[in-house]
mmCIF file of all heavy atoms, coordinates in Angstrom:
data_MODEL
# 
_entry.id   MODEL 
# 
loop_
_atom_site.group_PDB 
_atom_site.id 
_atom_site.type_symbol 
_atom_site.label_atom_id 
_atom_site.label_alt_id 
_atom_site.label_comp_id 
_atom_site.label_asym_id 
_atom_site.label_entity_id 
_atom_site.label_seq_id 
_atom_site.pdbx_PDB_ins_code 
_atom_site.Cartn_x 
_atom_site.Cartn_y 
_atom_site.Cartn_z 
_atom_site.occupancy 
_atom_site.B_iso_or_equiv 
_atom_site.pdbx_formal_charge 
_atom_site.auth_seq_id 
_atom_site.auth_comp_id 
_atom_site.auth_asym_id 
_atom_site.auth_atom_id 
_atom_site.pdbx_PDB_model_num 
ATOM 1   N N   . PHE A 1 1  ? -0.542  -6.381 6.951   1.00 0.00 ? 1  PHE A N   1 
ATOM 2   C CA  . PHE A 1 1  ? -1.123  -5.367 7.833   1.00 0.00 ? 1  PHE A CA  1 
ATOM 3   C C   . PHE A 1 1  ? -1.854  -6.030 8.977   1.00 0.00 ? 1  PHE A C   1 
ATOM 4   O O   . PHE A 1 1  ? -2.865  -6.722 8.809   1.00 0.00 ? 1  PHE A O   1 
ATOM 5   C CB  . PHE A 1 1  ? -2.091  -4.473 7.047   1.00 0.00 ? 1  PHE A CB  1 
ATOM 6   C CG  . PHE A 1 1  ? -1.479  -3.740 5.907   1.00 0.00 ? 1  PHE A CG  1 
ATOM 7   C CD1 . PHE A 1 1  ? -1.737  -4.119 4.575   1.00 0.00 ? 1  PHE A CD1 1 
ATOM 8   C CD2 . PHE A 1 1  ? -0.610  -2.680 6.125   1.00 0.00 ? 1  PHE A CD2 1 
ATOM 9   C CE1 . PHE A 1 1  ? -1.168  -3.434 3.506   1.00 0.00 ? 1  PHE A CE1 1 
ATOM 10  C CE2 . PHE A 1 1  ? -0.037  -2.009 5.086   1.00 0.00 ? 1  PHE A CE2 1 
ATOM 11  C CZ  . PHE A 1 1  ? -0.315  -2.379 3.789   1.00 0.00 ? 1  PHE A CZ  1 
ATOM 12  N N   . PRO A 1 2  ? -1.377  -5.818 10.217  1.00 0.00 ? 2  PRO A N   1 
ATOM 13  C CA  . PRO A 1 2  ? -2.009  -6.432 11.415  1.00 0.00 ? 2  PRO A CA  1 
ATOM 14  C C   . PRO A 1 2  ? -3.431  -5.934 11.617  1.00 0.00 ? 2  PRO A C   1 
ATOM 15  O O   . PRO A 1 2  ? -3.683  -4.747 11.561  1.00 0.00 ? 2  PRO A O   1 
ATOM 16  C CB  . PRO A 1 2  ? -1.088  -5.987 12.549  1.00 0.00 ? 2  PRO A CB  1 
ATOM 17  C CG  . PRO A 1 2  ? 0.188   -5.613 11.919  1.00 0.00 ? 2  PRO A CG  1 
ATOM 18  C CD  . PRO A 1 2  ? -0.173  -5.058 10.569  1.00 0.00 ? 2  PRO A CD  1 
ATOM 19  N N   . GLY A 1 3  ? -4.338  -6.875 11.859  1.00 0.00 ? 3  GLY A N   1 
ATOM 20  C CA  . GLY A 1 3  ? -5.733  -6.522 12.173  1.00 0.00 ? 3  GLY A CA  1 
ATOM 21  C C   . GLY A 1 3  ? -6.536  -6.024 10.985  1.00 0.00 ? 3  GLY A C   1 
ATOM 22  O O   . GLY A 1 3  ? -7.740  -5.719 11.185  1.00 0.00 ? 3  GLY A O   1 
ATOM 23  N N   . VAL A 1 4  ? -5.984  -6.038 9.801   1.00 0.00 ? 4  VAL A N   1 
ATOM 24  C CA  . VAL A 1 4  ? -6.713  -5.559 8.594   1.00 0.00 ? 4  VAL A CA  1 
ATOM 25  C C   . VAL A 1 4  ? -7.445  -6.710 7.949   1.00 0.00 ? 4  VAL A C   1 
ATOM 26  O O   . VAL A 1 4  ? -6.836  -7.789 7.719   1.00 0.00 ? 4  VAL A O   1 
ATOM 27  C CB  . VAL A 1 4  ? -5.784  -4.863 7.633   1.00 0.00 ? 4  VAL A CB  1 
ATOM 28  C CG1 . VAL A 1 4  ? -6.510  -4.490 6.350   1.00 0.00 ? 4  VAL A CG1 1 
ATOM 29  C CG2 . VAL A 1 4  ? -5.161  -3.630 8.256   1.00 0.00 ? 4  VAL A CG2 1 
ATOM 30  N N   . ASP A 1 5  ? -8.709  -6.502 7.622   1.00 0.00 ? 5  ASP A N   1 
ATOM 31  C CA  . ASP A 1 5  ? -9.525  -7.532 6.932   1.00 0.00 ? 5  ASP A CA  1 
ATOM 32  C C   . ASP A 1 5  ? -9.250  -7.501 5.448   1.00 0.00 ? 5  ASP A C   1 
ATOM 33  O O   . ASP A 1 5  ? -8.139  -7.226 5.046   1.00 0.00 ? 5  ASP A O   1 
ATOM 34  C CB  . ASP A 1 5  ? -10.995 -7.344 7.294   1.00 0.00 ? 5  ASP A CB  1 
ATOM 35  C CG  . ASP A 1 5  ? -11.871 -8.552 6.939   1.00 0.00 ? 5  ASP A CG  1 
ATOM 36  O OD1 . ASP A 1 5  ? -11.373 -9.494 6.316   1.00 0.00 ? 5  ASP A OD1 1 
ATOM 37  O OD2 . ASP A 1 5  ? -13.062 -8.519 7.327   1.00 0.00 ? 5  ASP A OD2 1 
ATOM 38  N N   . HIS A 1 6  ? -10.246 -7.652 4.645   1.00 0.00 ? 6  HIS A N   1 
ATOM 39  C CA  . HIS A 1 6  ? -10.021 -7.853 3.204   1.00 0.00 ? 6  HIS A CA  1 
ATOM 40  C C   . HIS A 1 6  ? -9.561  -6.609 2.493   1.00 0.00 ? 6  HIS A C   1 
ATOM 41  O O   . HIS A 1 6  ? -8.958  -6.700 1.401   1.00 0.00 ? 6  HIS A O   1 
ATOM 42  C CB  . HIS A 1 6  ? -11.306 -8.395 2.569   1.00 0.00 ? 6  HIS A CB  1 
ATOM 43  C CG  . HIS A 1 6  ? -11.129 -8.847 1.137   1.00 0.00 ? 6  HIS A CG  1 
ATOM 44  N ND1 . HIS A 1 6  ? -10.179 -9.720 0.763   1.00 0.00 ? 6  HIS A ND1 1 
ATOM 45  C CD2 . HIS A 1 6  ? -11.854 -8.559 0.013   1.00 0.00 ? 6  HIS A CD2 1 
ATOM 46  C CE1 . HIS A 1 6  ? -10.236 -9.919 -0.533  1.00 0.00 ? 6  HIS A CE1 1 
ATOM 47  N NE2 . HIS A 1 6  ? -11.256 -9.229 -1.024  1.00 0.00 ? 6  HIS A NE2 1 
ATOM 48  N N   . ASN A 1 7  ? -9.888  -5.413 2.985   1.00 0.00 ? 7  ASN A N   1 
ATOM 49  C CA  . ASN A 1 7  ? -9.569  -4.205 2.262   1.00 0.00 ? 7  ASN A CA  1 
ATOM 50  C C   . ASN A 1 7  ? -8.181  -3.727 2.475   1.00 0.00 ? 7  ASN A C   1 
ATOM 51  O O   . ASN A 1 7  ? -7.903  -2.540 2.750   1.00 0.00 ? 7  ASN A O   1 
ATOM 52  C CB  . ASN A 1 7  ? -10.594 -3.079 2.647   1.00 0.00 ? 7  ASN A CB  1 
ATOM 53  C CG  . ASN A 1 7  ? -10.427 -2.643 4.053   1.00 0.00 ? 7  ASN A CG  1 
ATOM 54  O OD1 . ASN A 1 7  ? -10.029 -3.439 4.911   1.00 0.00 ? 7  ASN A OD1 1 
ATOM 55  N ND2 . ASN A 1 7  ? -10.738 -1.390 4.362   1.00 0.00 ? 7  ASN A ND2 1 
ATOM 56  N N   . SER A 1 8  ? -7.223  -4.637 2.347   1.00 0.00 ? 8  SER A N   1 
ATOM 57  C CA  . SER A 1 8  ? -5.813  -4.275 2.571   1.00 0.00 ? 8  SER A CA  1 
ATOM 58  C C   . SER A 1 8  ? -5.283  -3.305 1.503   1.00 0.00 ? 8  SER A C   1 
ATOM 59  O O   . SER A 1 8  ? -4.182  -2.733 1.668   1.00 0.00 ? 8  SER A O   1 
ATOM 60  C CB  . SER A 1 8  ? -4.962  -5.534 2.623   1.00 0.00 ? 8  SER A CB  1 
ATOM 61  O OG  . SER A 1 8  ? -5.174  -6.356 1.526   1.00 0.00 ? 8  SER A OG  1 
ATOM 62  N N   . TRP A 1 9  ? -6.060  -3.075 0.441   1.00 0.00 ? 9  TRP A N   1 
ATOM 63  C CA  . TRP A 1 9  ? -5.625  -2.094 -0.580  1.00 0.00 ? 9  TRP A CA  1 
ATOM 64  C C   . TRP A 1 9  ? -5.611  -0.676 0.014   1.00 0.00 ? 9  TRP A C   1 
ATOM 65  O O   . TRP A 1 9  ? -4.867  0.143  -0.403  1.00 0.00 ? 9  TRP A O   1 
ATOM 66  C CB  . TRP A 1 9  ? -6.492  -2.177 -1.800  1.00 0.00 ? 9  TRP A CB  1 
ATOM 67  C CG  . TRP A 1 9  ? -7.945  -2.115 -1.546  1.00 0.00 ? 9  TRP A CG  1 
ATOM 68  C CD1 . TRP A 1 9  ? -8.721  -1.016 -1.374  1.00 0.00 ? 9  TRP A CD1 1 
ATOM 69  C CD2 . TRP A 1 9  ? -8.855  -3.244 -1.408  1.00 0.00 ? 9  TRP A CD2 1 
ATOM 70  N NE1 . TRP A 1 9  ? -10.040 -1.348 -1.165  1.00 0.00 ? 9  TRP A NE1 1 
ATOM 71  C CE2 . TRP A 1 9  ? -10.167 -2.731 -1.200  1.00 0.00 ? 9  TRP A CE2 1 
ATOM 72  C CE3 . TRP A 1 9  ? -8.662  -4.622 -1.489  1.00 0.00 ? 9  TRP A CE3 1 
ATOM 73  C CZ2 . TRP A 1 9  ? -11.288 -3.535 -1.021  1.00 0.00 ? 9  TRP A CZ2 1 
ATOM 74  C CZ3 . TRP A 1 9  ? -9.790  -5.476 -1.312  1.00 0.00 ? 9  TRP A CZ3 1 
ATOM 75  C CH2 . TRP A 1 9  ? -11.090 -4.880 -1.070  1.00 0.00 ? 9  TRP A CH2 1 
ATOM 76  N N   . THR A 1 10 ? -6.497  -0.447 0.998   1.00 0.00 ? 10 THR A N   1 
ATOM 77  C CA  . THR A 1 10 ? -6.585  0.919  1.549   1.00 0.00 ? 10 THR A CA  1 
ATOM 78  C C   . THR A 1 10 ? -5.248  1.286  2.237   1.00 0.00 ? 10 THR A C   1 
ATOM 79  O O   . THR A 1 10 ? -4.663  2.365  1.896   1.00 0.00 ? 10 THR A O   1 
ATOM 80  C CB  . THR A 1 10 ? -7.756  1.052  2.533   1.00 0.00 ? 10 THR A CB  1 
ATOM 81  O OG1 . THR A 1 10 ? -8.973  0.802  1.821   1.00 0.00 ? 10 THR A OG1 1 
ATOM 82  C CG2 . THR A 1 10 ? -7.783  2.443  3.142   1.00 0.00 ? 10 THR A CG2 1 
ATOM 83  N N   . PRO A 1 11 ? -4.743  0.522  3.188   1.00 0.00 ? 11 PRO A N   1 
ATOM 84  C CA  . PRO A 1 11 ? -3.472  0.899  3.758   1.00 0.00 ? 11 PRO A CA  1 
ATOM 85  C C   . PRO A 1 11 ? -2.326  0.797  2.789   1.00 0.00 ? 11 PRO A C   1 
ATOM 86  O O   . PRO A 1 11 ? -1.310  1.553  2.831   1.00 0.00 ? 11 PRO A O   1 
ATOM 87  C CB  . PRO A 1 11 ? -3.266  -0.060 4.938   1.00 0.00 ? 11 PRO A CB  1 
ATOM 88  C CG  . PRO A 1 11 ? -4.144  -1.199 4.621   1.00 0.00 ? 11 PRO A CG  1 
ATOM 89  C CD  . PRO A 1 11 ? -5.318  -0.627 3.867   1.00 0.00 ? 11 PRO A CD  1 
ATOM 90  N N   . ALA A 1 12 ? -2.395  -0.098 1.838   1.00 0.00 ? 12 ALA A N   1 
ATOM 91  C CA  . ALA A 1 12 ? -1.333  -0.218 0.837   1.00 0.00 ? 12 ALA A CA  1 
ATOM 92  C C   . ALA A 1 12 ? -1.243  1.015  -0.031  1.00 0.00 ? 12 ALA A C   1 
ATOM 93  O O   . ALA A 1 12 ? -0.173  1.588  -0.219  1.00 0.00 ? 12 ALA A O   1 
ATOM 94  C CB  . ALA A 1 12 ? -1.581  -1.474 -0.081  1.00 0.00 ? 12 ALA A CB  1 
ATOM 95  N N   . PHE A 1 13 ? -2.389  1.458  -0.543  1.00 0.00 ? 13 PHE A N   1 
ATOM 96  C CA  . PHE A 1 13 ? -2.411  2.672  -1.378  1.00 0.00 ? 13 PHE A CA  1 
ATOM 97  C C   . PHE A 1 13 ? -1.960  3.915  -0.622  1.00 0.00 ? 13 PHE A C   1 
ATOM 98  O O   . PHE A 1 13 ? -1.502  4.891  -1.259  1.00 0.00 ? 13 PHE A O   1 
ATOM 99  C CB  . PHE A 1 13 ? -3.815  2.920  -1.954  1.00 0.00 ? 13 PHE A CB  1 
ATOM 100 C CG  . PHE A 1 13 ? -4.272  1.874  -2.947  1.00 0.00 ? 13 PHE A CG  1 
ATOM 101 C CD1 . PHE A 1 13 ? -5.617  1.694  -3.210  1.00 0.00 ? 13 PHE A CD1 1 
ATOM 102 C CD2 . PHE A 1 13 ? -3.374  1.077  -3.610  1.00 0.00 ? 13 PHE A CD2 1 
ATOM 103 C CE1 . PHE A 1 13 ? -6.067  0.733  -4.112  1.00 0.00 ? 13 PHE A CE1 1 
ATOM 104 C CE2 . PHE A 1 13 ? -3.797  0.099  -4.521  1.00 0.00 ? 13 PHE A CE2 1 
ATOM 105 C CZ  . PHE A 1 13 ? -5.161  -0.077 -4.751  1.00 0.00 ? 13 PHE A CZ  1 
ATOM 106 N N   . ASN A 1 14 ? -2.101  3.907  0.681   1.00 0.00 ? 14 ASN A N   1 
ATOM 107 C CA  . ASN A 1 14 ? -1.731  5.067  1.503   1.00 0.00 ? 14 ASN A CA  1 
ATOM 108 C C   . ASN A 1 14 ? -0.280  5.045  1.971   1.00 0.00 ? 14 ASN A C   1 
ATOM 109 O O   . ASN A 1 14 ? 0.143   5.995  2.646   1.00 0.00 ? 14 ASN A O   1 
ATOM 110 C CB  . ASN A 1 14 ? -2.647  5.167  2.706   1.00 0.00 ? 14 ASN A CB  1 
ATOM 111 C CG  . ASN A 1 14 ? -4.041  5.745  2.316   1.00 0.00 ? 14 ASN A CG  1 
ATOM 112 O OD1 . ASN A 1 14 ? -4.109  6.825  1.770   1.00 0.00 ? 14 ASN A OD1 1 
ATOM 113 N ND2 . ASN A 1 14 ? -5.064  5.044  2.605   1.00 0.00 ? 14 ASN A ND2 1 
ATOM 114 N N   . LEU A 1 15 ? 0.447   4.014  1.614   1.00 0.00 ? 15 LEU A N   1 
ATOM 115 C CA  . LEU A 1 15 ? 1.885   3.996  1.949   1.00 0.00 ? 15 LEU A CA  1 
ATOM 116 C C   . LEU A 1 15 ? 2.566   5.138  1.196   1.00 0.00 ? 15 LEU A C   1 
ATOM 117 O O   . LEU A 1 15 ? 2.347   5.321  0.011   1.00 0.00 ? 15 LEU A O   1 
ATOM 118 C CB  . LEU A 1 15 ? 2.503   2.664  1.604   1.00 0.00 ? 15 LEU A CB  1 
ATOM 119 C CG  . LEU A 1 15 ? 2.060   1.462  2.492   1.00 0.00 ? 15 LEU A CG  1 
ATOM 120 C CD1 . LEU A 1 15 ? 2.590   0.179  1.907   1.00 0.00 ? 15 LEU A CD1 1 
ATOM 121 C CD2 . LEU A 1 15 ? 2.554   1.674  3.928   1.00 0.00 ? 15 LEU A CD2 1 
ATOM 122 N N   . PRO A 1 16 ? 3.466   5.891  1.877   1.00 0.00 ? 16 PRO A N   1 
ATOM 123 C CA  . PRO A 1 16 ? 4.057   7.088  1.258   1.00 0.00 ? 16 PRO A CA  1 
ATOM 124 C C   . PRO A 1 16 ? 4.866   6.811  -0.003  1.00 0.00 ? 16 PRO A C   1 
ATOM 125 O O   . PRO A 1 16 ? 5.035   7.667  -0.881  1.00 0.00 ? 16 PRO A O   1 
ATOM 126 C CB  . PRO A 1 16 ? 4.913   7.671  2.379   1.00 0.00 ? 16 PRO A CB  1 
ATOM 127 C CG  . PRO A 1 16 ? 5.133   6.539  3.307   1.00 0.00 ? 16 PRO A CG  1 
ATOM 128 C CD  . PRO A 1 16 ? 3.923   5.730  3.268   1.00 0.00 ? 16 PRO A CD  1 
ATOM 129 N N   . HIS A 1 17 ? 5.439   5.598  -0.078  1.00 0.00 ? 17 HIS A N   1 
ATOM 130 C CA  . HIS A 1 17 ? 6.336   5.330  -1.193  1.00 0.00 ? 17 HIS A CA  1 
ATOM 131 C C   . HIS A 1 17 ? 5.710   4.317  -2.204  1.00 0.00 ? 17 HIS A C   1 
ATOM 132 O O   . HIS A 1 17 ? 6.443   3.720  -3.018  1.00 0.00 ? 17 HIS A O   1 
ATOM 133 C CB  . HIS A 1 17 ? 7.686   4.782  -0.703  1.00 0.00 ? 17 HIS A CB  1 
ATOM 134 C CG  . HIS A 1 17 ? 8.383   5.716  0.206   1.00 0.00 ? 17 HIS A CG  1 
ATOM 135 N ND1 . HIS A 1 17 ? 8.778   6.976  -0.177  1.00 0.00 ? 17 HIS A ND1 1 
ATOM 136 C CD2 . HIS A 1 17 ? 8.740   5.617  1.540   1.00 0.00 ? 17 HIS A CD2 1 
ATOM 137 C CE1 . HIS A 1 17 ? 9.340   7.592  0.860   1.00 0.00 ? 17 HIS A CE1 1 
ATOM 138 N NE2 . HIS A 1 17 ? 9.351   6.782  1.868   1.00 0.00 ? 17 HIS A NE2 1 
ATOM 139 N N   . PHE A 1 18 ? 4.399   4.148  -2.125  1.00 0.00 ? 18 PHE A N   1 
ATOM 140 C CA  . PHE A 1 18 ? 3.730   3.161  -3.007  1.00 0.00 ? 18 PHE A CA  1 
ATOM 141 C C   . PHE A 1 18 ? 4.012   3.454  -4.482  1.00 0.00 ? 18 PHE A C   1 
ATOM 142 O O   . PHE A 1 18 ? 4.429   2.625  -5.264  1.00 0.00 ? 18 PHE A O   1 
ATOM 143 C CB  . PHE A 1 18 ? 2.244   3.164  -2.724  1.00 0.00 ? 18 PHE A CB  1 
ATOM 144 C CG  . PHE A 1 18 ? 1.475   2.084  -3.511  1.00 0.00 ? 18 PHE A CG  1 
ATOM 145 C CD1 . PHE A 1 18 ? 1.267   0.849  -2.947  1.00 0.00 ? 18 PHE A CD1 1 
ATOM 146 C CD2 . PHE A 1 18 ? 0.944   2.368  -4.743  1.00 0.00 ? 18 PHE A CD2 1 
ATOM 147 C CE1 . PHE A 1 18 ? 0.586   -0.134 -3.661  1.00 0.00 ? 18 PHE A CE1 1 
ATOM 148 C CE2 . PHE A 1 18 ? 0.257   1.408  -5.453  1.00 0.00 ? 18 PHE A CE2 1 
ATOM 149 C CZ  . PHE A 1 18 ? 0.062   0.124  -4.883  1.00 0.00 ? 18 PHE A CZ  1 
ATOM 150 N N   . MET A 1 19 ? 3.717   4.711  -4.898  1.00 0.00 ? 19 MET A N   1 
ATOM 151 C CA  . MET A 1 19 ? 3.883   5.091  -6.289  1.00 0.00 ? 19 MET A CA  1 
ATOM 152 C C   . MET A 1 19 ? 5.384   5.205  -6.667  1.00 0.00 ? 19 MET A C   1 
ATOM 153 O O   . MET A 1 19 ? 5.759   4.822  -7.789  1.00 0.00 ? 19 MET A O   1 
ATOM 154 C CB  . MET A 1 19 ? 3.179   6.387  -6.550  1.00 0.00 ? 19 MET A CB  1 
ATOM 155 C CG  . MET A 1 19 ? 1.651   6.329  -6.342  1.00 0.00 ? 19 MET A CG  1 
ATOM 156 S SD  . MET A 1 19 ? 0.812   5.416  -7.647  1.00 0.00 ? 19 MET A SD  1 
ATOM 157 C CE  . MET A 1 19 ? 0.545   6.723  -8.862  1.00 0.00 ? 19 MET A CE  1 
ATOM 158 N N   . ASP A 1 20 ? 6.192   5.700  -5.733  1.00 0.00 ? 20 ASP A N   1 
ATOM 159 C CA  . ASP A 1 20 ? 7.607   5.830  -6.032  1.00 0.00 ? 20 ASP A CA  1 
ATOM 160 C C   . ASP A 1 20 ? 8.208   4.468  -6.336  1.00 0.00 ? 20 ASP A C   1 
ATOM 161 O O   . ASP A 1 20 ? 9.012   4.308  -7.294  1.00 0.00 ? 20 ASP A O   1 
ATOM 162 C CB  . ASP A 1 20 ? 8.365   6.400  -4.794  1.00 0.00 ? 20 ASP A CB  1 
ATOM 163 C CG  . ASP A 1 20 ? 8.181   7.910  -4.713  1.00 0.00 ? 20 ASP A CG  1 
ATOM 164 O OD1 . ASP A 1 20 ? 7.926   8.563  -5.732  1.00 0.00 ? 20 ASP A OD1 1 
ATOM 165 O OD2 . ASP A 1 20 ? 8.328   8.413  -3.602  1.00 0.00 ? 20 ASP A OD2 1 
ATOM 166 N N   . TRP A 1 21 ? 7.832   3.441  -5.535  1.00 0.00 ? 21 TRP A N   1 
ATOM 167 C CA  . TRP A 1 21 ? 8.378   2.106  -5.777  1.00 0.00 ? 21 TRP A CA  1 
ATOM 168 C C   . TRP A 1 21 ? 7.962   1.613  -7.150  1.00 0.00 ? 21 TRP A C   1 
ATOM 169 O O   . TRP A 1 21 ? 8.789   1.079  -7.915  1.00 0.00 ? 21 TRP A O   1 
ATOM 170 C CB  . TRP A 1 21 ? 7.888   1.150  -4.698  1.00 0.00 ? 21 TRP A CB  1 
ATOM 171 C CG  . TRP A 1 21 ? 8.420   -0.249 -4.914  1.00 0.00 ? 21 TRP A CG  1 
ATOM 172 C CD1 . TRP A 1 21 ? 9.630   -0.757 -4.445  1.00 0.00 ? 21 TRP A CD1 1 
ATOM 173 C CD2 . TRP A 1 21 ? 7.840   -1.289 -5.700  1.00 0.00 ? 21 TRP A CD2 1 
ATOM 174 N NE1 . TRP A 1 21 ? 9.793   -2.046 -4.921  1.00 0.00 ? 21 TRP A NE1 1 
ATOM 175 C CE2 . TRP A 1 21 ? 8.726   -2.389 -5.670  1.00 0.00 ? 21 TRP A CE2 1 
ATOM 176 C CE3 . TRP A 1 21 ? 6.655   -1.398 -6.441  1.00 0.00 ? 21 TRP A CE3 1 
ATOM 177 C CZ2 . TRP A 1 21 ? 8.433   -3.587 -6.346  1.00 0.00 ? 21 TRP A CZ2 1 
ATOM 178 C CZ3 . TRP A 1 21 ? 6.396   -2.602 -7.130  1.00 0.00 ? 21 TRP A CZ3 1 
ATOM 179 C CH2 . TRP A 1 21 ? 7.289   -3.638 -7.042  1.00 0.00 ? 21 TRP A CH2 1 
ATOM 180 N N   . LEU A 1 22 ? 6.663   1.759  -7.470  1.00 0.00 ? 22 LEU A N   1 
ATOM 181 C CA  . LEU A 1 22 ? 6.168   1.229  -8.724  1.00 0.00 ? 22 LEU A CA  1 
ATOM 182 C C   . LEU A 1 22 ? 6.901   1.835  -9.913  1.00 0.00 ? 22 LEU A C   1 
ATOM 183 O O   . LEU A 1 22 ? 7.451   1.094  -10.771 1.00 0.00 ? 22 LEU A O   1 
ATOM 184 C CB  . LEU A 1 22 ? 4.655   1.515  -8.832  1.00 0.00 ? 22 LEU A CB  1 
ATOM 185 C CG  . LEU A 1 22 ? 4.003   1.078  -10.143 1.00 0.00 ? 22 LEU A CG  1 
ATOM 186 C CD1 . LEU A 1 22 ? 4.052   -0.431 -10.269 1.00 0.00 ? 22 LEU A CD1 1 
ATOM 187 C CD2 . LEU A 1 22 ? 2.548   1.603  -10.217 1.00 0.00 ? 22 LEU A CD2 1 
ATOM 188 N N   . PHE A 1 23 ? 6.966   3.134  -9.968  1.00 0.00 ? 23 PHE A N   1 
ATOM 189 C CA  . PHE A 1 23 ? 7.502   3.795  -11.183 1.00 0.00 ? 23 PHE A CA  1 
ATOM 190 C C   . PHE A 1 23 ? 9.039   3.822  -11.209 1.00 0.00 ? 23 PHE A C   1 
ATOM 191 O O   . PHE A 1 23 ? 9.622   4.206  -12.201 1.00 0.00 ? 23 PHE A O   1 
ATOM 192 C CB  . PHE A 1 23 ? 6.948   5.188  -11.291 1.00 0.00 ? 23 PHE A CB  1 
ATOM 193 C CG  . PHE A 1 23 ? 5.512   5.240  -11.756 1.00 0.00 ? 23 PHE A CG  1 
ATOM 194 C CD1 . PHE A 1 23 ? 4.486   5.416  -10.880 1.00 0.00 ? 23 PHE A CD1 1 
ATOM 195 C CD2 . PHE A 1 23 ? 5.210   5.034  -13.099 1.00 0.00 ? 23 PHE A CD2 1 
ATOM 196 C CE1 . PHE A 1 23 ? 3.164   5.423  -11.292 1.00 0.00 ? 23 PHE A CE1 1 
ATOM 197 C CE2 . PHE A 1 23 ? 3.930   5.031  -13.532 1.00 0.00 ? 23 PHE A CE2 1 
ATOM 198 C CZ  . PHE A 1 23 ? 2.865   5.201  -12.634 1.00 0.00 ? 23 PHE A CZ  1 
ATOM 199 N N   . SER A 1 24 ? 9.641   3.353  -10.136 1.00 0.00 ? 24 SER A N   1 
ATOM 200 C CA  . SER A 1 24 ? 11.125  3.221  -10.169 1.00 0.00 ? 24 SER A CA  1 
ATOM 201 C C   . SER A 1 24 ? 11.590  1.898  -10.758 1.00 0.00 ? 24 SER A C   1 
ATOM 202 O O   . SER A 1 24 ? 12.772  1.726  -11.025 1.00 0.00 ? 24 SER A O   1 
ATOM 203 C CB  . SER A 1 24 ? 11.708  3.358  -8.739  1.00 0.00 ? 24 SER A CB  1 
ATOM 204 O OG  . SER A 1 24 ? 11.348  2.214  -7.925  1.00 0.00 ? 24 SER A OG  1 
ATOM 205 N N   . GLN A 1 25 ? 10.647  0.978  -10.979 1.00 0.00 ? 25 GLN A N   1 
ATOM 206 C CA  . GLN A 1 25 ? 10.990  -0.344 -11.506 1.00 0.00 ? 25 GLN A CA  1 
ATOM 207 C C   . GLN A 1 25 ? 11.190  -0.323 -13.025 1.00 0.00 ? 25 GLN A C   1 
ATOM 208 O O   . GLN A 1 25 ? 10.383  0.272  -13.732 1.00 0.00 ? 25 GLN A O   1 
ATOM 209 C CB  . GLN A 1 25 ? 9.948   -1.391 -11.094 1.00 0.00 ? 25 GLN A CB  1 
ATOM 210 C CG  . GLN A 1 25 ? 9.645   -1.462 -9.607  1.00 0.00 ? 25 GLN A CG  1 
ATOM 211 C CD  . GLN A 1 25 ? 10.924  -1.715 -8.798  1.00 0.00 ? 25 GLN A CD  1 
ATOM 212 O OE1 . GLN A 1 25 ? 11.733  -2.576 -9.134  1.00 0.00 ? 25 GLN A OE1 1 
ATOM 213 N NE2 . GLN A 1 25 ? 11.058  -0.958 -7.702  1.00 0.00 ? 25 GLN A NE2 1 
# 
């Protein structure tokens, strides 16, 4: 994530397919 400091979990969790990807594995 460009310009993002340590809290990169915030934009990661907000990705639209975050949960879809996880539970498809």
